[in-house]
Amino acid sequence: MQLSIEDQRLLEDLCRQNGVSYKKVQELLAIEQSFEFKERRTGIYEALKEVLKAKSDS
């Protein structure tokens, strides 16, 4: 997912303030974007769960 520099900084700040992995949020957004225009979004929940289950490397 391509974010503007301003949006990246805002997302990084929000993640830091809330103790959330910025990299993990980026991965979740990328998955959502990859399913965005599909007529059926079969498999999106499984893909999101895999990212959430993966070890966090902040």
Protein backbone atom coordinates (compact mmCIF):
# COMPACT_ATOMS: atom_id res chain seq x y z
CA MET A 1 0.00 0.00 0.00
CA GLN A 2 1.39 3.36 -1.01
CA LEU A 3 0.88 6.05 1.63
CA SER A 4 2.01 9.66 1.45
CA ILE A 5 4.91 10.57 3.72
CA GLU A 6 2.52 12.53 5.94
CA ASP A 7 0.18 9.55 6.22
CA GLN A 8 3.10 7.22 7.00
CA ARG A 9 4.28 9.48 9.81
CA LEU A 10 0.76 9.74 11.21
CA LEU A 11 0.31 5.97 11.10
CA GLU A 12 3.72 5.42 12.73
CA ASP A 13 2.82 7.88 15.51
CA LEU A 14 -0.55 6.24 16.10
CA CYS A 15 1.02 2.77 16.20
CA ARG A 16 3.70 3.93 18.63
CA GLN A 17 1.13 5.64 20.90
CA ASN A 18 -1.01 2.51 20.99
CA GLY A 19 1.74 -0.11 21.20
CA VAL A 20 0.91 -1.63 17.83
CA SER A 21 3.46 -2.91 15.33
CA TYR A 22 3.69 -0.51 12.39
CA LYS A 23 4.96 -3.30 10.15
CA LYS A 24 2.00 -5.52 11.09
CA VAL A 25 -0.48 -2.73 10.33
CA GLN A 26 1.17 -2.24 6.93
CA GLU A 27 0.82 -5.95 6.22
CA LEU A 28 -2.85 -5.91 7.19
CA LEU A 29 -3.50 -2.90 4.95
CA ALA A 30 -1.67 -4.58 2.06
CA ILE A 31 -3.81 -7.69 2.41
CA GLU A 32 -7.00 -5.64 2.49
CA GLN A 33 -5.88 -3.77 -0.61
CA SER A 34 -5.09 -7.00 -2.45
CA PHE A 35 -8.69 -8.15 -1.87
CA GLU A 36 -10.23 -4.72 -2.51
CA PHE A 37 -11.63 -5.20 -6.00
CA LYS A 38 -12.37 -8.91 -5.88
CA GLU A 39 -16.00 -9.81 -6.32
CA ARG A 40 -15.66 -12.36 -3.52
CA ARG A 41 -13.17 -11.80 -0.78
CA THR A 42 -12.82 -15.47 0.07
CA GLY A 43 -9.71 -16.05 2.13
CA ILE A 44 -9.26 -12.52 3.47
CA TYR A 45 -10.01 -13.49 7.09
CA GLU A 46 -7.53 -16.35 6.99
CA ALA A 47 -4.85 -14.07 5.52
CA LEU A 48 -5.49 -11.42 8.18
CA LYS A 49 -5.42 -14.04 10.96
CA GLU A 50 -2.03 -15.30 9.77
CA VAL A 51 -0.54 -11.80 10.06
CA LEU A 52 -2.07 -11.32 13.49
CA LYS A 53 -0.80 -14.72 14.72
CA ALA A 54 2.74 -14.11 13.45
CA LYS A 55 5.34 -13.10 15.99
CA SER A 56 5.49 -9.33 16.32
CA ASP A 57 8.77 -7.68 15.40
CA SER A 58 7.63 -4.12 16.09
